[in-house]
Amino acid sequence: MGRQVMVVFGSGIAALAVLLGSAVAACAAGDKPPALDVTATCAAAGALARDRASCLEDERSARDQLDHSWSKYGAADKAHCIANVTSGGSASYVELVTCLDVMKGARDAMKGASDTGTSIAEDPPPRDEPLPLTPPPESR
């Protein structure tokens, strides 16, 4: 009986994960940014000695930026960043823009490295001699 409950429970969690993942992917694949409720984010701004009105203006500005640049981001990056900014706290367009820009920048850097035949993930080539721990005497 215990094993059957675990299988059913495990199957339910897997189904929920698929549904949530599908919802995030569907939203990310859309042609416009998701609708986020930033009221809690900006309500908390007062606790950080920040004006609520300026917080709301920053969020509106970030939303406008996303409206104009949404198509330049890949679906995988959108799904990752939407999940990131909507889980575990108050949602924020400012954080969404930041996440998307970081992801796009990393992809562009990796693409640039692969175009030149180098890898930004590789270790540097080995040195023939160890690095000195102190500067040579002539430079002191």
N, C-alpha and C. Protein backbone atom coordinates (compact mmCIF):
# COMPACT_ATOMS: atom_id res chain seq x y z
N MET A 1 0.83 -1.19 0.00
CA MET A 1 0.00 0.00 0.00
C MET A 1 0.88 1.26 0.00
N GLY A 2 1.92 1.29 0.85
CA GLY A 2 2.80 2.45 0.92
C GLY A 2 3.47 2.73 -0.41
N ARG A 3 3.86 1.67 -1.11
CA ARG A 3 4.51 1.82 -2.40
C ARG A 3 3.52 2.39 -3.44
N GLN A 4 2.27 1.97 -3.39
CA GLN A 4 1.27 2.48 -4.32
C GLN A 4 1.02 3.97 -4.10
N VAL A 5 0.99 4.36 -2.83
CA VAL A 5 0.78 5.78 -2.51
C VAL A 5 1.94 6.60 -3.05
N MET A 6 3.17 6.10 -2.89
CA MET A 6 4.34 6.82 -3.38
C MET A 6 4.30 6.95 -4.90
N VAL A 7 3.90 5.89 -5.59
CA VAL A 7 3.84 5.94 -7.05
C VAL A 7 2.80 6.95 -7.50
N VAL A 8 1.63 6.93 -6.88
CA VAL A 8 0.57 7.88 -7.23
C VAL A 8 1.01 9.30 -6.89
N PHE A 9 1.61 9.49 -5.71
CA PHE A 9 2.07 10.81 -5.29
C PHE A 9 3.16 11.30 -6.24
N GLY A 10 4.12 10.42 -6.54
CA GLY A 10 5.20 10.79 -7.45
C GLY A 10 4.68 11.13 -8.83
N SER A 11 3.70 10.38 -9.30
CA SER A 11 3.10 10.66 -10.61
C SER A 11 2.40 12.01 -10.60
N GLY A 12 1.73 12.33 -9.48
CA GLY A 12 1.04 13.61 -9.36
C GLY A 12 2.02 14.77 -9.40
N ILE A 13 3.15 14.63 -8.73
CA ILE A 13 4.16 15.68 -8.74
C ILE A 13 4.73 15.85 -10.14
N ALA A 14 4.99 14.73 -10.81
CA ALA A 14 5.52 14.81 -12.17
C ALA A 14 4.52 15.50 -13.09
N ALA A 15 3.24 15.17 -12.95
CA ALA A 15 2.22 15.80 -13.79
C ALA A 15 2.14 17.30 -13.51
N LEU A 16 2.22 17.67 -12.23
CA LEU A 16 2.18 19.08 -11.86
C LEU A 16 3.38 19.82 -12.44
N ALA A 17 4.55 19.20 -12.37
CA ALA A 17 5.75 19.83 -12.92
C ALA A 17 5.61 20.04 -14.42
N VAL A 18 5.04 19.05 -15.11
CA VAL A 18 4.83 19.18 -16.56
C VAL A 18 3.85 20.31 -16.85
N LEU A 19 2.76 20.38 -16.07
CA LEU A 19 1.77 21.44 -16.28
C LEU A 19 2.38 22.82 -16.04
N LEU A 20 3.12 22.96 -14.94
CA LEU A 20 3.73 24.25 -14.64
C LEU A 20 4.76 24.62 -15.69
N GLY A 21 5.57 23.65 -16.10
CA GLY A 21 6.56 23.90 -17.13
C GLY A 21 5.92 24.30 -18.43
N SER A 22 4.80 23.65 -18.77
CA SER A 22 4.08 23.99 -20.00
C SER A 22 3.51 25.40 -19.93
N ALA A 23 2.99 25.76 -18.76
CA ALA A 23 2.42 27.10 -18.60
C ALA A 23 3.50 28.16 -18.74
N VAL A 24 4.66 27.93 -18.13
CA VAL A 24 5.75 28.89 -18.23
C VAL A 24 6.24 28.97 -19.67
N ALA A 25 6.39 27.81 -20.32
CA ALA A 25 6.87 27.80 -21.70
C ALA A 25 5.87 28.49 -22.63
N ALA A 26 4.59 28.26 -22.40
CA ALA A 26 3.56 28.89 -23.23
C ALA A 26 3.61 30.40 -23.07
N CYS A 27 3.78 30.84 -21.84
CA CYS A 27 3.85 32.28 -21.58
C CYS A 27 5.11 32.85 -22.22
N ALA A 28 6.23 32.13 -22.10
CA ALA A 28 7.49 32.61 -22.64
C ALA A 28 7.45 32.65 -24.16
N ALA A 29 6.72 31.71 -24.76
CA ALA A 29 6.66 31.66 -26.21
C ALA A 29 5.72 32.71 -26.77
N GLY A 30 4.95 33.35 -25.92
CA GLY A 30 4.00 34.37 -26.38
C GLY A 30 4.72 35.54 -27.00
N ASP A 31 3.94 36.37 -27.65
CA ASP A 31 4.53 37.50 -28.35
C ASP A 31 4.61 38.76 -27.49
N LYS A 32 4.26 38.63 -26.22
CA LYS A 32 4.37 39.79 -25.34
C LYS A 32 4.78 39.31 -23.95
N PRO A 33 5.34 40.21 -23.15
CA PRO A 33 5.78 39.84 -21.80
C PRO A 33 4.61 39.43 -20.92
N PRO A 34 4.89 38.64 -19.88
CA PRO A 34 3.82 38.23 -18.98
C PRO A 34 3.31 39.42 -18.17
N ALA A 35 2.10 39.28 -17.69
CA ALA A 35 1.54 40.30 -16.80
C ALA A 35 1.98 39.95 -15.38
N LEU A 36 2.75 40.83 -14.77
CA LEU A 36 3.24 40.61 -13.41
C LEU A 36 2.56 41.60 -12.47
N ASP A 37 2.27 41.13 -11.27
CA ASP A 37 1.72 42.01 -10.24
C ASP A 37 2.89 42.53 -9.41
N VAL A 38 3.25 43.77 -9.62
CA VAL A 38 4.42 44.35 -8.95
C VAL A 38 4.04 45.14 -7.70
N THR A 39 2.76 45.11 -7.31
CA THR A 39 2.34 45.90 -6.15
C THR A 39 3.05 45.46 -4.87
N ALA A 40 3.23 44.16 -4.68
CA ALA A 40 3.92 43.68 -3.48
C ALA A 40 5.39 44.08 -3.50
N THR A 41 5.99 44.03 -4.68
CA THR A 41 7.39 44.44 -4.81
C THR A 41 7.56 45.89 -4.40
N CYS A 42 6.69 46.75 -4.89
CA CYS A 42 6.82 48.18 -4.60
C CYS A 42 6.30 48.53 -3.21
N ALA A 43 5.40 47.72 -2.65
CA ALA A 43 4.98 47.95 -1.27
C ALA A 43 6.14 47.70 -0.33
N ALA A 44 6.96 46.71 -0.67
CA ALA A 44 8.14 46.40 0.15
C ALA A 44 9.23 47.45 -0.01
N ALA A 45 9.17 48.23 -1.06
CA ALA A 45 10.19 49.25 -1.30
C ALA A 45 10.23 50.27 -0.17
N GLY A 46 9.07 50.55 0.44
CA GLY A 46 9.04 51.49 1.56
C GLY A 46 9.87 51.03 2.73
N ALA A 47 9.95 49.71 2.93
CA ALA A 47 10.76 49.17 4.02
C ALA A 47 12.24 49.35 3.74
N LEU A 48 12.59 49.58 2.49
CA LEU A 48 13.99 49.75 2.10
C LEU A 48 14.33 51.22 1.88
N ALA A 49 13.52 52.09 2.46
CA ALA A 49 13.72 53.55 2.35
C ALA A 49 13.69 53.99 0.89
N ARG A 50 12.79 53.38 0.14
CA ARG A 50 12.62 53.74 -1.28
C ARG A 50 11.18 54.17 -1.49
N ASP A 51 10.98 55.15 -2.30
CA ASP A 51 9.66 55.67 -2.58
C ASP A 51 8.86 54.69 -3.44
N ARG A 52 7.63 54.39 -3.02
CA ARG A 52 6.76 53.45 -3.74
C ARG A 52 6.48 53.95 -5.16
N ALA A 53 6.26 55.24 -5.31
CA ALA A 53 5.97 55.81 -6.62
C ALA A 53 7.14 55.63 -7.59
N SER A 54 8.36 55.83 -7.11
CA SER A 54 9.52 55.66 -7.99
C SER A 54 9.72 54.18 -8.34
N CYS A 55 9.38 53.30 -7.41
CA CYS A 55 9.44 51.87 -7.69
C CYS A 55 8.47 51.51 -8.80
N LEU A 56 7.24 51.99 -8.69
CA LEU A 56 6.23 51.71 -9.71
C LEU A 56 6.64 52.29 -11.07
N GLU A 57 7.28 53.45 -11.06
CA GLU A 57 7.75 54.06 -12.31
C GLU A 57 8.86 53.20 -12.93
N ASP A 58 9.79 52.71 -12.09
CA ASP A 58 10.85 51.83 -12.60
C ASP A 58 10.25 50.56 -13.20
N GLU A 59 9.26 49.99 -12.54
CA GLU A 59 8.61 48.78 -13.03
C GLU A 59 7.88 49.06 -14.35
N ARG A 60 7.20 50.20 -14.45
CA ARG A 60 6.51 50.56 -15.68
C ARG A 60 7.50 50.75 -16.82
N SER A 61 8.60 51.39 -16.53
CA SER A 61 9.63 51.62 -17.53
C SER A 61 10.23 50.29 -18.01
N ALA A 62 10.47 49.38 -17.08
CA ALA A 62 11.00 48.06 -17.44
C ALA A 62 9.99 47.29 -18.28
N ARG A 63 8.70 47.40 -17.93
CA ARG A 63 7.65 46.75 -18.73
C ARG A 63 7.62 47.32 -20.15
N ASP A 64 7.73 48.63 -20.28
CA ASP A 64 7.76 49.26 -21.61
C ASP A 64 8.97 48.77 -22.41
N GLN A 65 10.10 48.67 -21.75
CA GLN A 65 11.31 48.17 -22.41
C GLN A 65 11.08 46.74 -22.91
N LEU A 66 10.45 45.91 -22.08
CA LEU A 66 10.16 44.53 -22.49
C LEU A 66 9.19 44.48 -23.66
N ASP A 67 8.19 45.37 -23.66
CA ASP A 67 7.23 45.41 -24.75
C ASP A 67 7.95 45.62 -26.09
N HIS A 68 9.00 46.42 -26.09
CA HIS A 68 9.72 46.74 -27.33
C HIS A 68 10.80 45.72 -27.67
N SER A 69 11.33 45.01 -26.68
CA SER A 69 12.48 44.13 -26.94
C SER A 69 12.18 42.64 -26.74
N TRP A 70 10.94 42.28 -26.44
CA TRP A 70 10.58 40.90 -26.10
C TRP A 70 11.03 39.90 -27.17
N SER A 71 10.89 40.25 -28.43
CA SER A 71 11.19 39.32 -29.51
C SER A 71 12.68 39.03 -29.66
N LYS A 72 13.55 39.84 -29.08
CA LYS A 72 14.99 39.60 -29.23
C LYS A 72 15.52 38.52 -28.28
N TYR A 73 14.69 38.07 -27.34
CA TYR A 73 15.11 37.05 -26.39
C TYR A 73 14.61 35.67 -26.84
N GLY A 74 15.41 34.65 -26.57
CA GLY A 74 15.03 33.29 -26.92
C GLY A 74 13.99 32.72 -25.97
N ALA A 75 13.23 31.75 -26.47
CA ALA A 75 12.15 31.14 -25.68
C ALA A 75 12.68 30.48 -24.41
N ALA A 76 13.83 29.82 -24.50
CA ALA A 76 14.39 29.15 -23.31
C ALA A 76 14.78 30.18 -22.25
N ASP A 77 15.38 31.28 -22.68
CA ASP A 77 15.75 32.34 -21.73
C ASP A 77 14.52 32.96 -21.10
N LYS A 78 13.48 33.18 -21.91
CA LYS A 78 12.24 33.73 -21.38
C LYS A 78 11.65 32.80 -20.33
N ALA A 79 11.57 31.51 -20.64
CA ALA A 79 11.00 30.55 -19.70
C ALA A 79 11.80 30.51 -18.41
N HIS A 80 13.13 30.50 -18.53
CA HIS A 80 14.01 30.47 -17.34
C HIS A 80 13.80 31.71 -16.48
N CYS A 81 13.81 32.86 -17.11
CA CYS A 81 13.73 34.11 -16.35
C CYS A 81 12.33 34.35 -15.77
N ILE A 82 11.30 33.98 -16.50
CA ILE A 82 9.94 34.12 -15.95
C ILE A 82 9.79 33.23 -14.73
N ALA A 83 10.27 32.00 -14.82
CA ALA A 83 10.20 31.10 -13.66
C ALA A 83 11.00 31.68 -12.50
N ASN A 84 12.14 32.27 -12.81
CA ASN A 84 13.02 32.83 -11.78
C ASN A 84 12.35 34.00 -11.04
N VAL A 85 11.73 34.92 -11.77
CA VAL A 85 11.18 36.11 -11.13
C VAL A 85 9.79 35.90 -10.54
N THR A 86 9.15 34.79 -10.86
CA THR A 86 7.80 34.57 -10.32
C THR A 86 7.76 33.51 -9.23
N SER A 87 8.91 32.97 -8.87
CA SER A 87 8.90 31.95 -7.82
C SER A 87 9.56 32.48 -6.55
N GLY A 88 8.92 32.23 -5.45
CA GLY A 88 9.52 32.51 -4.15
C GLY A 88 9.54 33.96 -3.71
N GLY A 89 8.76 34.81 -4.28
CA GLY A 89 8.78 36.19 -3.84
C GLY A 89 7.95 37.08 -4.74
N SER A 90 8.14 38.36 -4.59
CA SER A 90 7.40 39.34 -5.38
C SER A 90 7.99 39.42 -6.78
N ALA A 91 7.12 39.47 -7.77
CA ALA A 91 7.56 39.55 -9.15
C ALA A 91 8.01 40.96 -9.48
N SER A 92 8.91 41.06 -10.48
CA SER A 92 9.45 42.37 -10.84
C SER A 92 9.86 42.38 -12.31
N TYR A 93 9.38 43.37 -13.05
CA TYR A 93 9.81 43.55 -14.44
C TYR A 93 11.28 43.95 -14.50
N VAL A 94 11.75 44.72 -13.53
CA VAL A 94 13.15 45.12 -13.49
C VAL A 94 14.03 43.88 -13.40
N GLU A 95 13.67 42.94 -12.53
CA GLU A 95 14.44 41.70 -12.40
C GLU A 95 14.33 40.86 -13.66
N LEU A 96 13.18 40.86 -14.30
CA LEU A 96 12.99 40.09 -15.54
C LEU A 96 13.89 40.64 -16.64
N VAL A 97 13.93 41.95 -16.81
CA VAL A 97 14.81 42.57 -17.81
C VAL A 97 16.26 42.22 -17.52
N THR A 98 16.66 42.33 -16.26
CA THR A 98 18.04 42.02 -15.87
C THR A 98 18.38 40.58 -16.19
N CYS A 99 17.53 39.65 -15.81
CA CYS A 99 17.76 38.23 -16.07
C CYS A 99 17.88 37.97 -17.57
N LEU A 100 16.96 38.51 -18.35
CA LEU A 100 16.99 38.29 -19.80
C LEU A 100 18.25 38.87 -20.43
N ASP A 101 18.67 40.05 -19.98
CA ASP A 101 19.88 40.66 -20.53
C ASP A 101 21.13 39.85 -20.17
N VAL A 102 21.18 39.32 -18.94
CA VAL A 102 22.32 38.50 -18.53
C VAL A 102 22.36 37.21 -19.36
N MET A 103 21.20 36.56 -19.53
CA MET A 103 21.14 35.32 -20.30
C MET A 103 21.54 35.58 -21.76
N LYS A 104 21.02 36.66 -22.35
CA LYS A 104 21.36 36.98 -23.74
C LYS A 104 22.84 37.31 -23.87
N GLY A 105 23.38 38.06 -22.92
CA GLY A 105 24.79 38.40 -22.94
C GLY A 105 25.68 37.17 -22.85
N ALA A 106 25.29 36.23 -21.98
CA ALA A 106 26.07 34.99 -21.84
C ALA A 106 26.02 34.19 -23.13
N ARG A 107 24.84 34.09 -23.73
CA ARG A 107 24.72 33.36 -25.00
C ARG A 107 25.55 34.03 -26.09
N ASP A 108 25.48 35.35 -26.18
CA ASP A 108 26.26 36.06 -27.19
C ASP A 108 27.76 35.86 -26.98
N ALA A 109 28.21 35.88 -25.72
CA ALA A 109 29.62 35.67 -25.43
C ALA A 109 30.05 34.25 -25.80
N MET A 110 29.20 33.27 -25.50
CA MET A 110 29.53 31.89 -25.85
C MET A 110 29.55 31.71 -27.36
N LYS A 111 28.61 32.36 -28.05
CA LYS A 111 28.58 32.28 -29.52
C LYS A 111 29.83 32.93 -30.10
N GLY A 112 30.19 34.08 -29.58
CA GLY A 112 31.39 34.77 -30.05
C GLY A 112 32.64 33.94 -29.83
N ALA A 113 32.70 33.26 -28.69
CA ALA A 113 33.86 32.42 -28.40
C ALA A 113 33.90 31.23 -29.36
N SER A 114 32.75 30.65 -29.65
CA SER A 114 32.73 29.50 -30.56
C SER A 114 33.04 29.93 -31.99
N ASP A 115 32.68 31.16 -32.36
CA ASP A 115 32.99 31.66 -33.70
C ASP A 115 34.49 31.82 -33.91
N THR A 116 35.21 32.10 -32.83
CA THR A 116 36.66 32.29 -32.93
C THR A 116 37.43 31.02 -32.61
N GLY A 117 36.71 29.94 -32.29
CA GLY A 117 37.38 28.68 -31.99
C GLY A 117 37.89 28.57 -30.58
N THR A 118 37.51 29.51 -29.72
CA THR A 118 37.92 29.44 -28.32
C THR A 118 36.71 29.12 -27.48
N SER A 119 36.97 28.77 -26.25
CA SER A 119 35.87 28.49 -25.33
C SER A 119 36.08 29.28 -24.07
N ILE A 120 35.05 29.98 -23.63
CA ILE A 120 35.18 30.73 -22.39
C ILE A 120 35.11 29.80 -21.18
N ALA A 121 34.78 28.52 -21.42
CA ALA A 121 34.71 27.57 -20.31
C ALA A 121 35.99 26.78 -20.15
N GLU A 122 36.94 26.92 -21.08
CA GLU A 122 38.18 26.16 -21.00
C GLU A 122 39.12 26.76 -19.98
N ASP A 123 39.95 25.89 -19.39
CA ASP A 123 41.01 26.36 -18.51
C ASP A 123 42.09 26.98 -19.38
N PRO A 124 42.86 27.91 -18.82
CA PRO A 124 43.96 28.48 -19.60
C PRO A 124 45.01 27.41 -19.88
N PRO A 125 45.80 27.58 -20.92
CA PRO A 125 46.82 26.56 -21.21
C PRO A 125 47.83 26.47 -20.07
N PRO A 126 48.43 25.29 -19.88
CA PRO A 126 49.40 25.15 -18.78
C PRO A 126 50.64 25.99 -19.03
N ARG A 127 51.24 26.46 -17.95
CA ARG A 127 52.47 27.24 -18.03
C ARG A 127 53.67 26.32 -17.92
N ASP A 128 54.78 26.70 -18.57
CA ASP A 128 55.99 25.90 -18.48
C ASP A 128 56.65 26.03 -17.12
N GLU A 129 56.46 27.16 -16.48
CA GLU A 129 57.05 27.38 -15.16
C GLU A 129 55.99 27.94 -14.22
N PRO A 130 56.11 27.67 -12.93
CA PRO A 130 55.11 28.16 -11.99
C PRO A 130 55.16 29.68 -11.87
N LEU A 131 54.03 30.25 -11.50
CA LEU A 131 53.99 31.68 -11.25
C LEU A 131 54.82 32.01 -10.01
N PRO A 132 55.60 33.08 -10.06
CA PRO A 132 56.40 33.45 -8.87
C PRO A 132 55.49 33.97 -7.76
N LEU A 133 55.85 33.64 -6.53
CA LEU A 133 55.08 34.11 -5.39
C LEU A 133 55.46 35.53 -5.00
N THR A 134 56.68 35.92 -5.33
CA THR A 134 57.12 37.29 -5.05
C THR A 134 57.69 37.88 -6.33
N PRO A 135 57.68 39.19 -6.46
CA PRO A 135 58.23 39.78 -7.66
C PRO A 135 59.75 39.54 -7.74
N PRO A 136 60.28 39.49 -8.93
CA PRO A 136 61.74 39.31 -9.04
C PRO A 136 62.47 40.47 -8.38
N PRO A 137 63.70 40.23 -7.91
CA PRO A 137 64.43 41.25 -7.17
C PRO A 137 64.61 42.55 -7.94
N GLU A 138 64.79 42.49 -9.26
CA GLU A 138 65.05 43.71 -10.02
C GLU A 138 63.84 44.64 -10.09
N SER A 139 62.63 44.13 -9.82
CA SER A 139 61.46 44.98 -9.90
C SER A 139 61.05 45.58 -8.56
N ARG A 140 61.77 45.25 -7.50
CA ARG A 140 61.42 45.80 -6.17
C ARG A 140 62.02 47.13 -5.92
